Amino acid sequence: MSESPEMEERAQRAAKIIASPSGYKVCEGCESIVLKKANTCPNCHGYRFDTTSARVVAQAKILGARAATSLSPKDFE
């Protein structure tokens, strides 16, 4: 049984983040992973982040292993 294309894409994005966690941070509002240069979270507009590589890697593993459960801005296009 193969994974769905969505799950394969999420796993690939997670692997990219895990390979270079210093370029990302985790939103403390909604636990999304965003680019380090972001000032606010594009999903919840939060502005508090955890920038530690360990937290980014841990969250990427969680998000890469499960289906999306929140809406993102592209869902409204």
PDB file of N, CA and C in Angstrom:
ATOM      1  N   MET A   1       0.855  -1.184   0.000  1.00  0.00           N
ATOM      2  CA  MET A   1       0.000   0.000   0.000  1.00  0.00           C
ATOM      3  C   MET A   1       0.894   1.238   0.000  1.00  0.00           C
ATOM      4  N   SER A   2       0.764   2.059  -1.011  1.00  0.00           N
ATOM      5  CA  SER A   2       1.615   3.242  -1.101  1.00  0.00           C
ATOM      6  C   SER A   2       0.925   4.448  -0.467  1.00  0.00           C
ATOM      7  N   GLU A   3       1.748   5.408  -0.112  1.00  0.00           N
ATOM      8  CA  GLU A   3       1.225   6.634   0.489  1.00  0.00           C
ATOM      9  C   GLU A   3       0.545   7.487  -0.569  1.00  0.00           C
ATOM     10  N   SER A   4      -0.339   8.347  -0.120  1.00  0.00           N
ATOM     11  CA  SER A   4      -0.993   9.266  -1.040  1.00  0.00           C
ATOM     12  C   SER A   4       0.022  10.311  -1.506  1.00  0.00           C
ATOM     13  N   PRO A   5      -0.240  10.937  -2.653  1.00  0.00           N
ATOM     14  CA  PRO A   5       0.679  11.987  -3.122  1.00  0.00           C
ATOM     15  C   PRO A   5       0.849  13.116  -2.100  1.00  0.00           C
ATOM     16  N   GLU A   6      -0.215  13.457  -1.386  1.00  0.00           N
ATOM     17  CA  GLU A   6      -0.129  14.516  -0.370  1.00  0.00           C
ATOM     18  C   GLU A   6       0.835  14.115   0.742  1.00  0.00           C
ATOM     19  N   MET A   7       0.735  12.869   1.195  1.00  0.00           N
ATOM     20  CA  MET A   7       1.607  12.408   2.280  1.00  0.00           C
ATOM     21  C   MET A   7       3.051  12.310   1.809  1.00  0.00           C
ATOM     22  N   GLU A   8       3.265  11.883   0.583  1.00  0.00           N
ATOM     23  CA  GLU A   8       4.621  11.824   0.040  1.00  0.00           C
ATOM     24  C   GLU A   8       5.229  13.219  -0.037  1.00  0.00           C
ATOM     25  N   GLU A   9       4.421  14.204  -0.454  1.00  0.00           N
ATOM     26  CA  GLU A   9       4.894  15.586  -0.533  1.00  0.00           C
ATOM     27  C   GLU A   9       5.224  16.129   0.854  1.00  0.00           C
ATOM     28  N   ARG A  10       4.377  15.836   1.838  1.00  0.00           N
ATOM     29  CA  ARG A  10       4.634  16.298   3.215  1.00  0.00           C
ATOM     30  C   ARG A  10       5.917  15.679   3.758  1.00  0.00           C
ATOM     31  N   ALA A  11       6.128  14.391   3.477  1.00  0.00           N
ATOM     32  CA  ALA A  11       7.340  13.713   3.935  1.00  0.00           C
ATOM     33  C   ALA A  11       8.579  14.319   3.276  1.00  0.00           C
ATOM     34  N   GLN A  12       8.476  14.669   2.000  1.00  0.00           N
ATOM     35  CA  GLN A  12       9.605  15.292   1.299  1.00  0.00           C
ATOM     36  C   GLN A  12       9.916  16.672   1.875  1.00  0.00           C
ATOM     37  N   ARG A  13       8.871  17.466   2.146  1.00  0.00           N
ATOM     38  CA  ARG A  13       9.092  18.790   2.741  1.00  0.00           C
ATOM     39  C   ARG A  13       9.708  18.657   4.128  1.00  0.00           C
ATOM     40  N   ALA A  14       9.239  17.669   4.903  1.00  0.00           N
ATOM     41  CA  ALA A  14       9.797  17.449   6.240  1.00  0.00           C
ATOM     42  C   ALA A  14      11.271  17.077   6.143  1.00  0.00           C
ATOM     43  N   ALA A  15      11.623  16.225   5.183  1.00  0.00           N
ATOM     44  CA  ALA A  15      13.023  15.821   5.017  1.00  0.00           C
ATOM     45  C   ALA A  15      13.895  17.021   4.670  1.00  0.00           C
ATOM     46  N   LYS A  16      13.383  17.921   3.847  1.00  0.00           N
ATOM     47  CA  LYS A  16      14.120  19.143   3.478  1.00  0.00           C
ATOM     48  C   LYS A  16      14.355  20.013   4.723  1.00  0.00           C
ATOM     49  N   ILE A  17      13.339  20.142   5.556  1.00  0.00           N
ATOM     50  CA  ILE A  17      13.448  20.940   6.775  1.00  0.00           C
ATOM     51  C   ILE A  17      14.425  20.293   7.752  1.00  0.00           C
ATOM     52  N   ILE A  18      14.331  18.983   7.904  1.00  0.00           N
ATOM     53  CA  ILE A  18      15.214  18.254   8.822  1.00  0.00           C
ATOM     54  C   ILE A  18      16.671  18.383   8.385  1.00  0.00           C
ATOM     55  N   ALA A  19      16.897  18.425   7.071  1.00  0.00           N
ATOM     56  CA  ALA A  19      18.267  18.546   6.559  1.00  0.00           C
ATOM     57  C   ALA A  19      18.868  19.919   6.823  1.00  0.00           C
ATOM     58  N   SER A  20      18.019  20.935   6.995  1.00  0.00           N
ATOM     59  CA  SER A  20      18.506  22.299   7.211  1.00  0.00           C
ATOM     60  C   SER A  20      17.604  23.046   8.192  1.00  0.00           C
ATOM     61  N   PRO A  21      17.537  22.609   9.449  1.00  0.00           N
ATOM     62  CA  PRO A  21      16.603  23.209  10.408  1.00  0.00           C
ATOM     63  C   PRO A  21      16.904  24.658  10.771  1.00  0.00           C
ATOM     64  N   SER A  22      18.121  25.097  10.545  1.00  0.00           N
ATOM     65  CA  SER A  22      18.471  26.469  10.920  1.00  0.00           C
ATOM     66  C   SER A  22      17.762  27.511  10.060  1.00  0.00           C
ATOM     67  N   GLY A  23      17.158  27.114   8.971  1.00  0.00           N
ATOM     68  CA  GLY A  23      16.441  28.047   8.104  1.00  0.00           C
ATOM     69  C   GLY A  23      14.968  28.184   8.441  1.00  0.00           C
ATOM     70  N   TYR A  24      14.543  27.518   9.522  1.00  0.00           N
ATOM     71  CA  TYR A  24      13.121  27.479   9.860  1.00  0.00           C
ATOM     72  C   TYR A  24      12.915  27.735  11.349  1.00  0.00           C
ATOM     73  N   LYS A  25      11.655  27.931  11.718  1.00  0.00           N
ATOM     74  CA  LYS A  25      11.270  28.078  13.121  1.00  0.00           C
ATOM     75  C   LYS A  25       9.842  27.574  13.277  1.00  0.00           C
ATOM     76  N   VAL A  26       9.450  27.264  14.510  1.00  0.00           N
ATOM     77  CA  VAL A  26       8.130  26.715  14.787  1.00  0.00           C
ATOM     78  C   VAL A  26       7.272  27.787  15.448  1.00  0.00           C
ATOM     79  N   CYS A  27       6.093  28.019  14.896  1.00  0.00           N
ATOM     80  CA  CYS A  27       5.151  28.979  15.476  1.00  0.00           C
ATOM     81  C   CYS A  27       4.641  28.423  16.799  1.00  0.00           C
ATOM     82  N   GLU A  28       4.707  29.222  17.851  1.00  0.00           N
ATOM     83  CA  GLU A  28       4.208  28.781  19.147  1.00  0.00           C
ATOM     84  C   GLU A  28       2.692  28.914  19.254  1.00  0.00           C
ATOM     85  N   GLY A  29       2.065  29.531  18.256  1.00  0.00           N
ATOM     86  CA  GLY A  29       0.614  29.651  18.259  1.00  0.00           C
ATOM     87  C   GLY A  29      -0.067  28.433  17.663  1.00  0.00           C
ATOM     88  N   CYS A  30       0.392  28.008  16.476  1.00  0.00           N
ATOM     89  CA  CYS A  30      -0.281  26.911  15.784  1.00  0.00           C
ATOM     90  C   CYS A  30       0.633  25.739  15.458  1.00  0.00           C
ATOM     91  N   GLU A  31       1.905  25.830  15.825  1.00  0.00           N
ATOM     92  CA  GLU A  31       2.900  24.785  15.623  1.00  0.00           C
ATOM     93  C   GLU A  31       3.242  24.530  14.155  1.00  0.00           C
ATOM     94  N   SER A  32       2.978  25.504  13.305  1.00  0.00           N
ATOM     95  CA  SER A  32       3.411  25.412  11.914  1.00  0.00           C
ATOM     96  C   SER A  32       4.905  25.684  11.839  1.00  0.00           C
ATOM     97  N   ILE A  33       5.533  25.160  10.812  1.00  0.00           N
ATOM     98  CA  ILE A  33       6.935  25.463  10.565  1.00  0.00           C
ATOM     99  C   ILE A  33       6.981  26.531   9.490  1.00  0.00           C
ATOM    100  N   VAL A  34       7.697  27.618   9.763  1.00  0.00           N
ATOM    101  CA  VAL A  34       7.791  28.730   8.821  1.00  0.00           C
ATOM    102  C   VAL A  34       9.258  29.053   8.569  1.00  0.00           C
ATOM    103  N   LEU A  35       9.500  29.795   7.510  1.00  0.00           N
ATOM    104  CA  LEU A  35      10.861  30.231   7.217  1.00  0.00           C
ATOM    105  C   LEU A  35      11.373  31.116   8.334  1.00  0.00           C
ATOM    106  N   LYS A  36      12.637  31.019   8.606  1.00  0.00           N
ATOM    107  CA  LYS A  36      13.257  31.804   9.681  1.00  0.00           C
ATOM    108  C   LYS A  36      13.045  33.307   9.478  1.00  0.00           C
ATOM    109  N   LYS A  37      13.004  33.758   8.220  1.00  0.00           N
ATOM    110  CA  LYS A  37      12.885  35.193   7.949  1.00  0.00           C
ATOM    111  C   LYS A  37      11.467  35.742   8.158  1.00  0.00           C
ATOM    112  N   ALA A  38      10.479  34.870   8.378  1.00  0.00           N
ATOM    113  CA  ALA A  38       9.103  35.328   8.579  1.00  0.00           C
ATOM    114  C   ALA A  38       8.971  36.095   9.892  1.00  0.00           C
ATOM    115  N   ASN A  39       8.258  37.206   9.857  1.00  0.00           N
ATOM    116  CA  ASN A  39       8.005  37.980  11.069  1.00  0.00           C
ATOM    117  C   ASN A  39       6.744  37.522  11.783  1.00  0.00           C
ATOM    118  N   THR A  40       5.773  37.059  11.000  1.00  0.00           N
ATOM    119  CA  THR A  40       4.542  36.514  11.564  1.00  0.00           C
ATOM    120  C   THR A  40       4.222  35.212  10.847  1.00  0.00           C
ATOM    121  N   CYS A  41       3.446  34.371  11.497  1.00  0.00           N
ATOM    122  CA  CYS A  41       3.040  33.096  10.917  1.00  0.00           C
ATOM    123  C   CYS A  41       1.989  33.348   9.843  1.00  0.00           C
ATOM    124  N   PRO A  42       2.181  32.803   8.648  1.00  0.00           N
ATOM    125  CA  PRO A  42       1.190  33.022   7.594  1.00  0.00           C
ATOM    126  C   PRO A  42      -0.133  32.302   7.857  1.00  0.00           C
ATOM    127  N   ASN A  43      -0.141  31.349   8.777  1.00  0.00           N
ATOM    128  CA  ASN A  43      -1.363  30.607   9.056  1.00  0.00           C
ATOM    129  C   ASN A  43      -2.202  31.230  10.167  1.00  0.00           C
ATOM    130  N   CYS A  44      -1.562  31.582  11.289  1.00  0.00           N
ATOM    131  CA  CYS A  44      -2.333  32.101  12.427  1.00  0.00           C
ATOM    132  C   CYS A  44      -1.986  33.545  12.778  1.00  0.00           C
ATOM    133  N   HIS A  45      -1.010  34.110  12.084  1.00  0.00           N
ATOM    134  CA  HIS A  45      -0.540  35.478  12.299  1.00  0.00           C
ATOM    135  C   HIS A  45       0.134  35.665  13.658  1.00  0.00           C
ATOM    136  N   GLY A  46       0.539  34.547  14.266  1.00  0.00           N
ATOM    137  CA  GLY A  46       1.281  34.611  15.519  1.00  0.00           C
ATOM    138  C   GLY A  46       2.664  35.212  15.288  1.00  0.00           C
ATOM    139  N   TYR A  47       3.288  35.639  16.363  1.00  0.00           N
ATOM    140  CA  TYR A  47       4.601  36.267  16.238  1.00  0.00           C
ATOM    141  C   TYR A  47       5.603  35.725  17.254  1.00  0.00           C
ATOM    142  N   ARG A  48       5.261  34.642  17.938  1.00  0.00           N
ATOM    143  CA  ARG A  48       6.189  34.006  18.876  1.00  0.00           C
ATOM    144  C   ARG A  48       6.624  32.679  18.275  1.00  0.00           C
ATOM    145  N   PHE A  49       7.933  32.460  18.240  1.00  0.00           N
ATOM    146  CA  PHE A  49       8.480  31.283  17.582  1.00  0.00           C
ATOM    147  C   PHE A  49       9.534  30.608  18.436  1.00  0.00           C
ATOM    148  N   ASP A  50       9.671  29.305  18.245  1.00  0.00           N
ATOM    149  CA  ASP A  50      10.777  28.540  18.817  1.00  0.00           C
ATOM    150  C   ASP A  50      11.759  28.329  17.679  1.00  0.00           C
ATOM    151  N   THR A  51      12.962  28.846  17.823  1.00  0.00           N
ATOM    152  CA  THR A  51      13.948  28.802  16.748  1.00  0.00           C
ATOM    153  C   THR A  51      15.001  27.713  16.939  1.00  0.00           C
ATOM    154  N   THR A  52      14.858  26.891  17.981  1.00  0.00           N
ATOM    155  CA  THR A  52      15.870  25.863  18.207  1.00  0.00           C
ATOM    156  C   THR A  52      15.758  24.761  17.153  1.00  0.00           C
ATOM    157  N   SER A  53      16.916  24.315  16.682  1.00  0.00           N
ATOM    158  CA  SER A  53      16.939  23.265  15.659  1.00  0.00           C
ATOM    159  C   SER A  53      16.255  21.992  16.147  1.00  0.00           C
ATOM    160  N   ALA A  54      16.435  21.660  17.423  1.00  0.00           N
ATOM    161  CA  ALA A  54      15.822  20.443  17.965  1.00  0.00           C
ATOM    162  C   ALA A  54      14.299  20.504  17.854  1.00  0.00           C
ATOM    163  N   ARG A  55      13.729  21.650  18.149  1.00  0.00           N
ATOM    164  CA  ARG A  55      12.261  21.804  18.070  1.00  0.00           C
ATOM    165  C   ARG A  55      11.791  21.750  16.630  1.00  0.00           C
ATOM    166  N   VAL A  56      12.527  22.373  15.720  1.00  0.00           N
ATOM    167  CA  VAL A  56      12.161  22.358  14.301  1.00  0.00           C
ATOM    168  C   VAL A  56      12.184  20.925  13.777  1.00  0.00           C
ATOM    169  N   VAL A  57      13.229  20.178  14.095  1.00  0.00           N
ATOM    170  CA  VAL A  57      13.342  18.793  13.635  1.00  0.00           C
ATOM    171  C   VAL A  57      12.209  17.940  14.208  1.00  0.00           C
ATOM    172  N   ALA A  58      11.951  18.077  15.498  1.00  0.00           N
ATOM    173  CA  ALA A  58      10.886  17.296  16.133  1.00  0.00           C
ATOM    174  C   ALA A  58       9.534  17.594  15.494  1.00  0.00           C
ATOM    175  N   GLN A  59       9.252  18.864  15.245  1.00  0.00           N
ATOM    176  CA  GLN A  59       7.963  19.235  14.648  1.00  0.00           C
ATOM    177  C   GLN A  59       7.882  18.775  13.197  1.00  0.00           C
ATOM    178  N   ALA A  60       8.978  18.840  12.468  1.00  0.00           N
ATOM    179  CA  ALA A  60       8.983  18.373  11.075  1.00  0.00           C
ATOM    180  C   ALA A  60       8.676  16.879  11.012  1.00  0.00           C
ATOM    181  N   LYS A  61       9.210  16.115  11.952  1.00  0.00           N
ATOM    182  CA  LYS A  61       8.925  14.678  11.991  1.00  0.00           C
ATOM    183  C   LYS A  61       7.446  14.427  12.245  1.00  0.00           C
ATOM    184  N   ILE A  62       6.858  15.195  13.142  1.00  0.00           N
ATOM    185  CA  ILE A  62       5.429  15.051  13.443  1.00  0.00           C
ATOM    186  C   ILE A  62       4.585  15.414  12.223  1.00  0.00           C
ATOM    187  N   LEU A  63       4.852  16.589  11.663  1.00  0.00           N
ATOM    188  CA  LEU A  63       4.033  17.069  10.554  1.00  0.00           C
ATOM    189  C   LEU A  63       4.245  16.244   9.284  1.00  0.00           C
ATOM    190  N   GLY A  64       5.448  15.731   9.095  1.00  0.00           N
ATOM    191  CA  GLY A  64       5.731  14.938   7.902  1.00  0.00           C
ATOM    192  C   GLY A  64       5.106  13.559   7.919  1.00  0.00           C
ATOM    193  N   ALA A  65       4.661  13.109   9.084  1.00  0.00           N
ATOM    194  CA  ALA A  65       4.107  11.766   9.232  1.00  0.00           C
ATOM    195  C   ALA A  65       2.583  11.729   9.293  1.00  0.00           C
ATOM    196  N   ARG A  66       1.951  12.896   9.222  1.00  0.00           N
ATOM    197  CA  ARG A  66       0.484  12.897   9.298  1.00  0.00           C
ATOM    198  C   ARG A  66      -0.105  13.852   8.273  1.00  0.00           C
ATOM    199  N   ALA A  67      -1.368  13.645   7.986  1.00  0.00           N
ATOM    200  CA  ALA A  67      -2.063  14.502   7.024  1.00  0.00           C
ATOM    201  C   ALA A  67      -2.257  15.898   7.607  1.00  0.00           C
ATOM    202  N   ALA A  68      -2.396  16.876   6.741  1.00  0.00           N
ATOM    203  CA  ALA A  68      -2.637  18.253   7.174  1.00  0.00           C
ATOM    204  C   ALA A  68      -3.965  18.327   7.927  1.00  0.00           C
ATOM    205  N   THR A  69      -3.968  19.095   9.006  1.00  0.00           N
ATOM    206  CA  THR A  69      -5.191  19.241   9.800  1.00  0.00           C
ATOM    207  C   THR A  69      -5.640  20.687   9.911  1.00  0.00           C
ATOM    208  N   SER A  70      -4.907  21.599   9.330  1.00  0.00           N
ATOM    209  CA  SER A  70      -5.284  23.015   9.403  1.00  0.00           C
ATOM    210  C   SER A  70      -5.356  23.604   8.007  1.00  0.00           C
ATOM    211  N   LEU A  71      -6.051  24.696   7.911  1.00  0.00           N
ATOM    212  CA  LEU A  71      -6.153  25.410   6.648  1.00  0.00           C
ATOM    213  C   LEU A  71      -4.943  26.301   6.479  1.00  0.00           C
ATOM    214  N   SER A  72      -4.501  26.456   5.255  1.00  0.00           N
ATOM    215  CA  SER A  72      -3.409  27.382   4.970  1.00  0.00           C
ATOM    216  C   SER A  72      -3.927  28.426   3.991  1.00  0.00           C
ATOM    217  N   PRO A  73      -3.204  29.514   3.818  1.00  0.00           N
ATOM    218  CA  PRO A  73      -3.664  30.559   2.893  1.00  0.00           C
ATOM    219  C   PRO A  73      -3.946  30.035   1.487  1.00  0.00           C
ATOM    220  N   LYS A  74      -3.203  29.034   1.022  1.00  0.00           N
ATOM    221  CA  LYS A  74      -3.440  28.531  -0.330  1.00  0.00           C
ATOM    222  C   LYS A  74      -4.760  27.769  -0.437  1.00  0.00           C
ATOM    223  N   ASP A  75      -5.349  27.353   0.699  1.00  0.00           N
ATOM    224  CA  ASP A  75      -6.653  26.692   0.670  1.00  0.00           C
ATOM    225  C   ASP A  75      -7.777  27.661   0.283  1.00  0.00           C
ATOM    226  N   PHE A  76      -7.508  28.960   0.362  1.00  0.00           N
ATOM    227  CA  PHE A  76      -8.518  29.963   0.063  1.00  0.00           C
ATOM    228  C   PHE A  76      -8.372  30.556  -1.332  1.00  0.00           C
ATOM    229  N   GLU A  77      -7.426  30.056  -2.097  1.00  0.00           N
ATOM    230  CA  GLU A  77      -7.208  30.587  -3.462  1.00  0.00           C
ATOM    231  C   GLU A  77      -8.262  30.091  -4.411  1.00  0.00           C
TER     232      GLU A  77
END
